[in-house]
Amino acid sequence: MMIGRIDNVNPLNNVQNVRRTQEKDTSYSTTDQVSVSDEAKAAAEAYYLNQVAAETPDIRQDLVAAIKEKIKDPNYLNQAVVASTADRILASYGL
């Protein structure tokens, strides 16, 4: 019996090539590793914090509304409240 080529394909070569590739695949046993530099970690953290800052509103409307209501009350603004506010402003500037 003679095995001939069919459309320029030799069926015996295909079987031999499959066996060779299977043998090569099983002989390799490697593991992949990924290492991330400290610079990349810092950049990722900065990116995350930037995203959080972008999503956070600059003005907290709930606090502004509460303070506006307090200021409307004439009994709220007295000398003690003004002095406390001035002290907090000076402390925020380190004075």
PDB file of N, CA and C in Angstrom:
ATOM      1  N   MET A   1       0.843  -1.161   0.000  1.00  0.00           N
ATOM      2  CA  MET A   1       0.000   0.000   0.000  1.00  0.00           C
ATOM      3  C   MET A   1       0.894   1.231   0.000  1.00  0.00           C
ATOM      4  N   MET A   2       0.513   2.207  -0.770  1.00  0.00           N
ATOM      5  CA  MET A   2       1.314   3.413  -0.907  1.00  0.00           C
ATOM      6  C   MET A   2       0.490   4.607  -0.448  1.00  0.00           C
ATOM      7  N   ILE A   3       1.103   5.397   0.400  1.00  0.00           N
ATOM      8  CA  ILE A   3       0.431   6.602   0.886  1.00  0.00           C
ATOM      9  C   ILE A   3       0.976   7.771   0.094  1.00  0.00           C
ATOM     10  N   GLY A   4       0.102   8.419  -0.578  1.00  0.00           N
ATOM     11  CA  GLY A   4       0.523   9.534  -1.408  1.00  0.00           C
ATOM     12  C   GLY A   4       0.086  10.856  -0.799  1.00  0.00           C
ATOM     13  N   ARG A   5       0.556  11.900  -1.385  1.00  0.00           N
ATOM     14  CA  ARG A   5       0.213  13.239  -0.911  1.00  0.00           C
ATOM     15  C   ARG A   5      -1.150  13.637  -1.457  1.00  0.00           C
ATOM     16  N   ILE A   6      -1.908  14.279  -0.605  1.00  0.00           N
ATOM     17  CA  ILE A   6      -3.210  14.780  -1.012  1.00  0.00           C
ATOM     18  C   ILE A   6      -3.128  16.301  -0.917  1.00  0.00           C
ATOM     19  N   ASP A   7      -3.256  16.943  -2.053  1.00  0.00           N
ATOM     20  CA  ASP A   7      -3.175  18.413  -2.113  1.00  0.00           C
ATOM     21  C   ASP A   7      -1.933  18.940  -1.407  1.00  0.00           C
ATOM     22  N   ASN A   8      -0.795  18.372  -1.707  1.00  0.00           N
ATOM     23  CA  ASN A   8       0.500  18.788  -1.171  1.00  0.00           C
ATOM     24  C   ASN A   8       0.603  18.641   0.347  1.00  0.00           C
ATOM     25  N   VAL A   9      -0.178  17.758   0.933  1.00  0.00           N
ATOM     26  CA  VAL A   9      -0.124  17.518   2.372  1.00  0.00           C
ATOM     27  C   VAL A   9       0.233  16.058   2.575  1.00  0.00           C
ATOM     28  N   ASN A  10       1.247  15.810   3.355  1.00  0.00           N
ATOM     29  CA  ASN A  10       1.658  14.456   3.658  1.00  0.00           C
ATOM     30  C   ASN A  10       1.048  14.076   5.001  1.00  0.00           C
ATOM     31  N   PRO A  11       0.089  13.130   5.048  1.00  0.00           N
ATOM     32  CA  PRO A  11      -0.590  12.806   6.297  1.00  0.00           C
ATOM     33  C   PRO A  11       0.345  12.276   7.367  1.00  0.00           C
ATOM     34  N   LEU A  12       1.416  11.642   6.999  1.00  0.00           N
ATOM     35  CA  LEU A  12       2.340  11.125   7.997  1.00  0.00           C
ATOM     36  C   LEU A  12       3.095  12.252   8.696  1.00  0.00           C
ATOM     37  N   ASN A  13       3.429  13.301   7.976  1.00  0.00           N
ATOM     38  CA  ASN A  13       4.116  14.430   8.604  1.00  0.00           C
ATOM     39  C   ASN A  13       3.231  15.106   9.645  1.00  0.00           C
ATOM     40  N   ASN A  14       1.954  15.206   9.391  1.00  0.00           N
ATOM     41  CA  ASN A  14       1.046  15.834  10.353  1.00  0.00           C
ATOM     42  C   ASN A  14       1.017  15.068  11.660  1.00  0.00           C
ATOM     43  N   VAL A  15       0.978  13.749  11.606  1.00  0.00           N
ATOM     44  CA  VAL A  15       0.965  12.934  12.815  1.00  0.00           C
ATOM     45  C   VAL A  15       2.284  13.085  13.557  1.00  0.00           C
ATOM     46  N   GLN A  16       3.387  13.075  12.842  1.00  0.00           N
ATOM     47  CA  GLN A  16       4.685  13.213  13.476  1.00  0.00           C
ATOM     48  C   GLN A  16       4.841  14.585  14.116  1.00  0.00           C
ATOM     49  N   ASN A  17       4.370  15.632  13.459  1.00  0.00           N
ATOM     50  CA  ASN A  17       4.477  16.981  14.010  1.00  0.00           C
ATOM     51  C   ASN A  17       3.642  17.131  15.277  1.00  0.00           C
ATOM     52  N   VAL A  18       2.474  16.494  15.311  1.00  0.00           N
ATOM     53  CA  VAL A  18       1.630  16.578  16.497  1.00  0.00           C
ATOM     54  C   VAL A  18       2.324  15.919  17.676  1.00  0.00           C
ATOM     55  N   ARG A  19       2.931  14.782  17.455  1.00  0.00           N
ATOM     56  CA  ARG A  19       3.632  14.099  18.540  1.00  0.00           C
ATOM     57  C   ARG A  19       4.801  14.938  19.049  1.00  0.00           C
ATOM     58  N   ARG A  20       5.512  15.573  18.165  1.00  0.00           N
ATOM     59  CA  ARG A  20       6.659  16.391  18.577  1.00  0.00           C
ATOM     60  C   ARG A  20       6.211  17.576  19.433  1.00  0.00           C
ATOM     61  N   THR A  21       5.156  18.246  19.031  1.00  0.00           N
ATOM     62  CA  THR A  21       4.709  19.410  19.798  1.00  0.00           C
ATOM     63  C   THR A  21       4.140  19.002  21.143  1.00  0.00           C
ATOM     64  N   GLN A  22       3.477  17.877  21.219  1.00  0.00           N
ATOM     65  CA  GLN A  22       2.961  17.421  22.505  1.00  0.00           C
ATOM     66  C   GLN A  22       4.084  17.067  23.456  1.00  0.00           C
ATOM     67  N   GLU A  23       5.121  16.455  22.954  1.00  0.00           N
ATOM     68  CA  GLU A  23       6.252  16.108  23.800  1.00  0.00           C
ATOM     69  C   GLU A  23       6.947  17.365  24.313  1.00  0.00           C
ATOM     70  N   LYS A  24       7.087  18.359  23.496  1.00  0.00           N
ATOM     71  CA  LYS A  24       7.750  19.590  23.906  1.00  0.00           C
ATOM     72  C   LYS A  24       6.915  20.335  24.944  1.00  0.00           C
ATOM     73  N   ASP A  25       5.613  20.356  24.784  1.00  0.00           N
ATOM     74  CA  ASP A  25       4.762  21.074  25.718  1.00  0.00           C
ATOM     75  C   ASP A  25       4.809  20.472  27.115  1.00  0.00           C
ATOM     76  N   THR A  26       4.896  19.173  27.212  1.00  0.00           N
ATOM     77  CA  THR A  26       4.892  18.545  28.527  1.00  0.00           C
ATOM     78  C   THR A  26       6.245  18.623  29.212  1.00  0.00           C
ATOM     79  N   SER A  27       7.293  18.862  28.489  1.00  0.00           N
ATOM     80  CA  SER A  27       8.620  18.887  29.095  1.00  0.00           C
ATOM     81  C   SER A  27       8.919  20.226  29.778  1.00  0.00           C
ATOM     82  N   TYR A  28       8.192  21.280  29.441  1.00  0.00           N
ATOM     83  CA  TYR A  28       8.433  22.582  30.050  1.00  0.00           C
ATOM     84  C   TYR A  28       7.526  22.765  31.251  1.00  0.00           C
ATOM     85  N   SER A  29       8.109  23.192  32.315  1.00  0.00           N
ATOM     86  CA  SER A  29       7.349  23.477  33.522  1.00  0.00           C
ATOM     87  C   SER A  29       7.899  24.772  34.108  1.00  0.00           C
ATOM     88  N   THR A  30       7.294  25.868  33.750  1.00  0.00           N
ATOM     89  CA  THR A  30       7.749  27.166  34.230  1.00  0.00           C
ATOM     90  C   THR A  30       6.585  27.892  34.887  1.00  0.00           C
ATOM     91  N   THR A  31       6.913  28.842  35.719  1.00  0.00           N
ATOM     92  CA  THR A  31       5.897  29.680  36.342  1.00  0.00           C
ATOM     93  C   THR A  31       6.176  31.125  35.961  1.00  0.00           C
ATOM     94  N   ASP A  32       5.108  31.877  35.853  1.00  0.00           N
ATOM     95  CA  ASP A  32       5.229  33.289  35.529  1.00  0.00           C
ATOM     96  C   ASP A  32       5.281  34.098  36.817  1.00  0.00           C
ATOM     97  N   GLN A  33       6.055  35.159  36.791  1.00  0.00           N
ATOM     98  CA  GLN A  33       6.154  36.035  37.939  1.00  0.00           C
ATOM     99  C   GLN A  33       6.045  37.474  37.472  1.00  0.00           C
ATOM    100  N   VAL A  34       5.437  38.278  38.299  1.00  0.00           N
ATOM    101  CA  VAL A  34       5.312  39.701  38.016  1.00  0.00           C
ATOM    102  C   VAL A  34       5.821  40.454  39.230  1.00  0.00           C
ATOM    103  N   SER A  35       6.681  41.407  38.991  1.00  0.00           N
ATOM    104  CA  SER A  35       7.144  42.257  40.081  1.00  0.00           C
ATOM    105  C   SER A  35       6.819  43.702  39.726  1.00  0.00           C
ATOM    106  N   VAL A  36       6.326  44.421  40.719  1.00  0.00           N
ATOM    107  CA  VAL A  36       5.919  45.809  40.522  1.00  0.00           C
ATOM    108  C   VAL A  36       6.859  46.683  41.330  1.00  0.00           C
ATOM    109  N   SER A  37       7.433  47.667  40.684  1.00  0.00           N
ATOM    110  CA  SER A  37       8.395  48.537  41.362  1.00  0.00           C
ATOM    111  C   SER A  37       7.682  49.462  42.344  1.00  0.00           C
ATOM    112  N   ASP A  38       8.443  50.001  43.274  1.00  0.00           N
ATOM    113  CA  ASP A  38       7.888  50.948  44.239  1.00  0.00           C
ATOM    114  C   ASP A  38       7.378  52.201  43.543  1.00  0.00           C
ATOM    115  N   GLU A  39       8.062  52.592  42.489  1.00  0.00           N
ATOM    116  CA  GLU A  39       7.637  53.765  41.718  1.00  0.00           C
ATOM    117  C   GLU A  39       6.277  53.522  41.074  1.00  0.00           C
ATOM    118  N   ALA A  40       6.060  52.325  40.547  1.00  0.00           N
ATOM    119  CA  ALA A  40       4.770  51.999  39.930  1.00  0.00           C
ATOM    120  C   ALA A  40       3.664  51.944  40.980  1.00  0.00           C
ATOM    121  N   LYS A  41       3.995  51.418  42.165  1.00  0.00           N
ATOM    122  CA  LYS A  41       3.007  51.380  43.245  1.00  0.00           C
ATOM    123  C   LYS A  41       2.618  52.787  43.664  1.00  0.00           C
ATOM    124  N   ALA A  42       3.602  53.676  43.772  1.00  0.00           N
ATOM    125  CA  ALA A  42       3.326  55.060  44.145  1.00  0.00           C
ATOM    126  C   ALA A  42       2.492  55.753  43.075  1.00  0.00           C
ATOM    127  N   ALA A  43       2.788  55.479  41.816  1.00  0.00           N
ATOM    128  CA  ALA A  43       2.014  56.075  40.725  1.00  0.00           C
ATOM    129  C   ALA A  43       0.578  55.565  40.741  1.00  0.00           C
ATOM    130  N   ALA A  44       0.376  54.301  41.045  1.00  0.00           N
ATOM    131  CA  ALA A  44      -0.978  53.742  41.115  1.00  0.00           C
ATOM    132  C   ALA A  44      -1.757  54.361  42.267  1.00  0.00           C
ATOM    133  N   GLU A  45      -1.085  54.550  43.400  1.00  0.00           N
ATOM    134  CA  GLU A  45      -1.754  55.173  44.542  1.00  0.00           C
ATOM    135  C   GLU A  45      -2.110  56.629  44.234  1.00  0.00           C
ATOM    136  N   ALA A  46      -1.200  57.341  43.582  1.00  0.00           N
ATOM    137  CA  ALA A  46      -1.477  58.734  43.205  1.00  0.00           C
ATOM    138  C   ALA A  46      -2.642  58.802  42.231  1.00  0.00           C
ATOM    139  N   TYR A  47      -2.700  57.875  41.301  1.00  0.00           N
ATOM    140  CA  TYR A  47      -3.814  57.831  40.344  1.00  0.00           C
ATOM    141  C   TYR A  47      -5.131  57.585  41.071  1.00  0.00           C
ATOM    142  N   TYR A  48      -5.124  56.636  42.009  1.00  0.00           N
ATOM    143  CA  TYR A  48      -6.335  56.333  42.770  1.00  0.00           C
ATOM    144  C   TYR A  48      -6.789  57.554  43.572  1.00  0.00           C
ATOM    145  N   LEU A  49      -5.861  58.203  44.263  1.00  0.00           N
ATOM    146  CA  LEU A  49      -6.213  59.373  45.063  1.00  0.00           C
ATOM    147  C   LEU A  49      -6.707  60.520  44.190  1.00  0.00           C
ATOM    148  N   ASN A  50      -6.145  60.647  43.002  1.00  0.00           N
ATOM    149  CA  ASN A  50      -6.599  61.670  42.070  1.00  0.00           C
ATOM    150  C   ASN A  50      -8.039  61.393  41.634  1.00  0.00           C
ATOM    151  N   GLN A  51      -8.362  60.121  41.400  1.00  0.00           N
ATOM    152  CA  GLN A  51      -9.725  59.756  41.012  1.00  0.00           C
ATOM    153  C   GLN A  51     -10.703  60.044  42.147  1.00  0.00           C
ATOM    154  N   VAL A  52     -10.300  59.730  43.378  1.00  0.00           N
ATOM    155  CA  VAL A  52     -11.163  59.992  44.533  1.00  0.00           C
ATOM    156  C   VAL A  52     -11.386  61.490  44.689  1.00  0.00           C
ATOM    157  N   ALA A  53     -10.338  62.273  44.537  1.00  0.00           N
ATOM    158  CA  ALA A  53     -10.457  63.728  44.647  1.00  0.00           C
ATOM    159  C   ALA A  53     -11.344  64.295  43.550  1.00  0.00           C
ATOM    160  N   ALA A  54     -11.262  63.723  42.349  1.00  0.00           N
ATOM    161  CA  ALA A  54     -12.083  64.208  41.248  1.00  0.00           C
ATOM    162  C   ALA A  54     -13.567  63.898  41.473  1.00  0.00           C
ATOM    163  N   GLU A  55     -13.844  62.795  42.159  1.00  0.00           N
ATOM    164  CA  GLU A  55     -15.234  62.399  42.390  1.00  0.00           C
ATOM    165  C   GLU A  55     -15.847  63.068  43.615  1.00  0.00           C
ATOM    166  N   THR A  56     -15.013  63.612  44.494  1.00  0.00           N
ATOM    167  CA  THR A  56     -15.499  64.247  45.713  1.00  0.00           C
ATOM    168  C   THR A  56     -15.839  65.706  45.406  1.00  0.00           C
ATOM    169  N   PRO A  57     -17.022  66.147  45.812  1.00  0.00           N
ATOM    170  CA  PRO A  57     -17.379  67.549  45.537  1.00  0.00           C
ATOM    171  C   PRO A  57     -16.511  68.506  46.355  1.00  0.00           C
ATOM    172  N   ASP A  58     -16.241  69.666  45.790  1.00  0.00           N
ATOM    173  CA  ASP A  58     -15.412  70.667  46.465  1.00  0.00           C
ATOM    174  C   ASP A  58     -16.152  71.299  47.639  1.00  0.00           C
ATOM    175  N   ILE A  59     -17.452  71.439  47.508  1.00  0.00           N
ATOM    176  CA  ILE A  59     -18.261  72.078  48.547  1.00  0.00           C
ATOM    177  C   ILE A  59     -19.287  71.073  49.047  1.00  0.00           C
ATOM    178  N   ARG A  60     -19.304  70.886  50.352  1.00  0.00           N
ATOM    179  CA  ARG A  60     -20.294  69.973  50.938  1.00  0.00           C
ATOM    180  C   ARG A  60     -21.570  70.765  51.188  1.00  0.00           C
ATOM    181  N   GLN A  61     -22.511  70.613  50.297  1.00  0.00           N
ATOM    182  CA  GLN A  61     -23.744  71.395  50.327  1.00  0.00           C
ATOM    183  C   GLN A  61     -24.539  71.170  51.605  1.00  0.00           C
ATOM    184  N   ASP A  62     -24.484  69.973  52.181  1.00  0.00           N
ATOM    185  CA  ASP A  62     -25.233  69.706  53.402  1.00  0.00           C
ATOM    186  C   ASP A  62     -24.715  70.549  54.572  1.00  0.00           C
ATOM    187  N   LEU A  63     -23.380  70.696  54.669  1.00  0.00           N
ATOM    188  CA  LEU A  63     -22.817  71.526  55.732  1.00  0.00           C
ATOM    189  C   LEU A  63     -23.084  73.008  55.497  1.00  0.00           C
ATOM    190  N   VAL A  64     -23.016  73.434  54.250  1.00  0.00           N
ATOM    191  CA  VAL A  64     -23.289  74.840  53.921  1.00  0.00           C
ATOM    192  C   VAL A  64     -24.732  75.183  54.281  1.00  0.00           C
ATOM    193  N   ALA A  65     -25.659  74.307  53.964  1.00  0.00           N
ATOM    194  CA  ALA A  65     -27.069  74.559  54.284  1.00  0.00           C
ATOM    195  C   ALA A  65     -27.283  74.620  55.796  1.00  0.00           C
ATOM    196  N   ALA A  66     -26.618  73.721  56.536  1.00  0.00           N
ATOM    197  CA  ALA A  66     -26.768  73.728  57.994  1.00  0.00           C
ATOM    198  C   ALA A  66     -26.217  75.014  58.599  1.00  0.00           C
ATOM    199  N   ILE A  67     -25.092  75.482  58.115  1.00  0.00           N
ATOM    200  CA  ILE A  67     -24.506  76.725  58.643  1.00  0.00           C
ATOM    201  C   ILE A  67     -25.358  77.932  58.281  1.00  0.00           C
ATOM    202  N   LYS A  68     -25.904  77.952  57.081  1.00  0.00           N
ATOM    203  CA  LYS A  68     -26.788  79.059  56.684  1.00  0.00           C
ATOM    204  C   LYS A  68     -27.998  79.143  57.600  1.00  0.00           C
ATOM    205  N   GLU A  69     -28.540  77.992  57.966  1.00  0.00           N
ATOM    206  CA  GLU A  69     -29.683  77.983  58.884  1.00  0.00           C
ATOM    207  C   GLU A  69     -29.277  78.519  60.258  1.00  0.00           C
ATOM    208  N   LYS A  70     -28.083  78.160  60.728  1.00  0.00           N
ATOM    209  CA  LYS A  70     -27.624  78.652  62.024  1.00  0.00           C
ATOM    210  C   LYS A  70     -27.417  80.161  61.996  1.00  0.00           C
ATOM    211  N   ILE A  71     -26.883  80.686  60.886  1.00  0.00           N
ATOM    212  CA  ILE A  71     -26.610  82.126  60.790  1.00  0.00           C
ATOM    213  C   ILE A  71     -27.907  82.924  60.754  1.00  0.00           C
ATOM    214  N   LYS A  72     -28.964  82.346  60.209  1.00  0.00           N
ATOM    215  CA  LYS A  72     -30.254  83.046  60.168  1.00  0.00           C
ATOM    216  C   LYS A  72     -30.813  83.278  61.568  1.00  0.00           C
ATOM    217  N   ASP A  73     -30.425  82.435  62.519  1.00  0.00           N
ATOM    218  CA  ASP A  73     -30.892  82.586  63.895  1.00  0.00           C
ATOM    219  C   ASP A  73     -30.121  83.737  64.545  1.00  0.00           C
ATOM    220  N   PRO A  74     -30.804  84.772  64.989  1.00  0.00           N
ATOM    221  CA  PRO A  74     -30.091  85.929  65.575  1.00  0.00           C
ATOM    222  C   PRO A  74     -29.365  85.586  66.876  1.00  0.00           C
ATOM    223  N   ASN A  75     -29.775  84.576  67.583  1.00  0.00           N
ATOM    224  CA  ASN A  75     -29.118  84.210  68.848  1.00  0.00           C
ATOM    225  C   ASN A  75     -27.816  83.443  68.613  1.00  0.00           C
ATOM    226  N   TYR A  76     -27.606  82.948  67.422  1.00  0.00           N
ATOM    227  CA  TYR A  76     -26.408  82.137  67.149  1.00  0.00           C
ATOM    228  C   TYR A  76     -25.145  82.983  67.104  1.00  0.00           C
ATOM    229  N   LEU A  77     -25.226  84.135  66.437  1.00  0.00           N
ATOM    230  CA  LEU A  77     -24.040  84.991  66.316  1.00  0.00           C
ATOM    231  C   LEU A  77     -23.893  85.832  67.588  1.00  0.00           C
ATOM    232  N   ASN A  78     -22.997  85.402  68.435  1.00  0.00           N
ATOM    233  CA  ASN A  78     -22.660  86.170  69.621  1.00  0.00           C
ATOM    234  C   ASN A  78     -21.148  86.270  69.714  1.00  0.00           C
ATOM    235  N   GLN A  79     -20.648  86.928  70.728  1.00  0.00           N
ATOM    236  CA  GLN A  79     -19.216  87.172  70.854  1.00  0.00           C
ATOM    237  C   GLN A  79     -18.430  85.864  70.978  1.00  0.00           C
ATOM    238  N   ALA A  80     -18.953  84.861  71.637  1.00  0.00           N
ATOM    239  CA  ALA A  80     -18.246  83.593  71.832  1.00  0.00           C
ATOM    240  C   ALA A  80     -18.088  82.845  70.506  1.00  0.00           C
ATOM    241  N   VAL A  81     -19.122  82.867  69.688  1.00  0.00           N
ATOM    242  CA  VAL A  81     -19.052  82.177  68.391  1.00  0.00           C
ATOM    243  C   VAL A  81     -18.068  82.884  67.476  1.00  0.00           C
ATOM    244  N   VAL A  82     -18.081  84.197  67.459  1.00  0.00           N
ATOM    245  CA  VAL A  82     -17.167  84.962  66.615  1.00  0.00           C
ATOM    246  C   VAL A  82     -15.719  84.726  67.056  1.00  0.00           C
ATOM    247  N   ALA A  83     -15.463  84.724  68.360  1.00  0.00           N
ATOM    248  CA  ALA A  83     -14.110  84.505  68.874  1.00  0.00           C
ATOM    249  C   ALA A  83     -13.638  83.083  68.551  1.00  0.00           C
ATOM    250  N   SER A  84     -14.522  82.109  68.686  1.00  0.00           N
ATOM    251  CA  SER A  84     -14.164  80.723  68.381  1.00  0.00           C
ATOM    252  C   SER A  84     -13.843  80.565  66.892  1.00  0.00           C
ATOM    253  N   THR A  85     -14.627  81.193  66.039  1.00  0.00           N
ATOM    254  CA  THR A  85     -14.379  81.131  64.595  1.00  0.00           C
ATOM    255  C   THR A  85     -13.060  81.799  64.249  1.00  0.00           C
ATOM    256  N   ALA A  86     -12.779  82.931  64.836  1.00  0.00           N
ATOM    257  CA  ALA A  86     -11.525  83.629  64.571  1.00  0.00           C
ATOM    258  C   ALA A  86     -10.334  82.786  65.035  1.00  0.00           C
ATOM    259  N   ASP A  87     -10.466  82.144  66.187  1.00  0.00           N
ATOM    260  CA  ASP A  87      -9.374  81.286  66.678  1.00  0.00           C
ATOM    261  C   ASP A  87      -9.129  80.113  65.733  1.00  0.00           C
ATOM    262  N   ARG A  88     -10.183  79.534  65.218  1.00  0.00           N
ATOM    263  CA  ARG A  88     -10.027  78.399  64.283  1.00  0.00           C
ATOM    264  C   ARG A  88      -9.362  78.849  62.969  1.00  0.00           C
ATOM    265  N   ILE A  89      -9.735  80.022  62.502  1.00  0.00           N
ATOM    266  CA  ILE A  89      -9.124  80.534  61.264  1.00  0.00           C
ATOM    267  C   ILE A  89      -7.632  80.780  61.482  1.00  0.00           C
ATOM    268  N   LEU A  90      -7.275  81.402  62.582  1.00  0.00           N
ATOM    269  CA  LEU A  90      -5.873  81.664  62.881  1.00  0.00           C
ATOM    270  C   LEU A  90      -5.087  80.360  63.077  1.00  0.00           C
ATOM    271  N   ALA A  91      -5.706  79.379  63.715  1.00  0.00           N
ATOM    272  CA  ALA A  91      -5.047  78.087  63.930  1.00  0.00           C
ATOM    273  C   ALA A  91      -4.819  77.345  62.616  1.00  0.00           C
ATOM    274  N   SER A  92      -5.733  77.506  61.680  1.00  0.00           N
ATOM    275  CA  SER A  92      -5.556  76.835  60.382  1.00  0.00           C
ATOM    276  C   SER A  92      -4.369  77.413  59.598  1.00  0.00           C
ATOM    277  N   TYR A  93      -4.036  78.664  59.870  1.00  0.00           N
ATOM    278  CA  TYR A  93      -2.875  79.294  59.245  1.00  0.00           C
ATOM    279  C   TYR A  93      -1.613  79.138  60.090  1.00  0.00           C
ATOM    280  N   GLY A  94      -1.732  78.499  61.221  1.00  0.00           N
ATOM    281  CA  GLY A  94      -0.572  78.273  62.092  1.00  0.00           C
ATOM    282  C   GLY A  94      -0.195  79.479  62.927  1.00  0.00           C
ATOM    283  N   LEU A  95      -1.133  80.354  63.143  1.00  0.00           N
ATOM    284  CA  LEU A  95      -0.848  81.574  63.941  1.00  0.00           C
ATOM    285  C   LEU A  95      -1.422  81.480  65.328  1.00  0.00           C
TER     286      LEU A  95
END
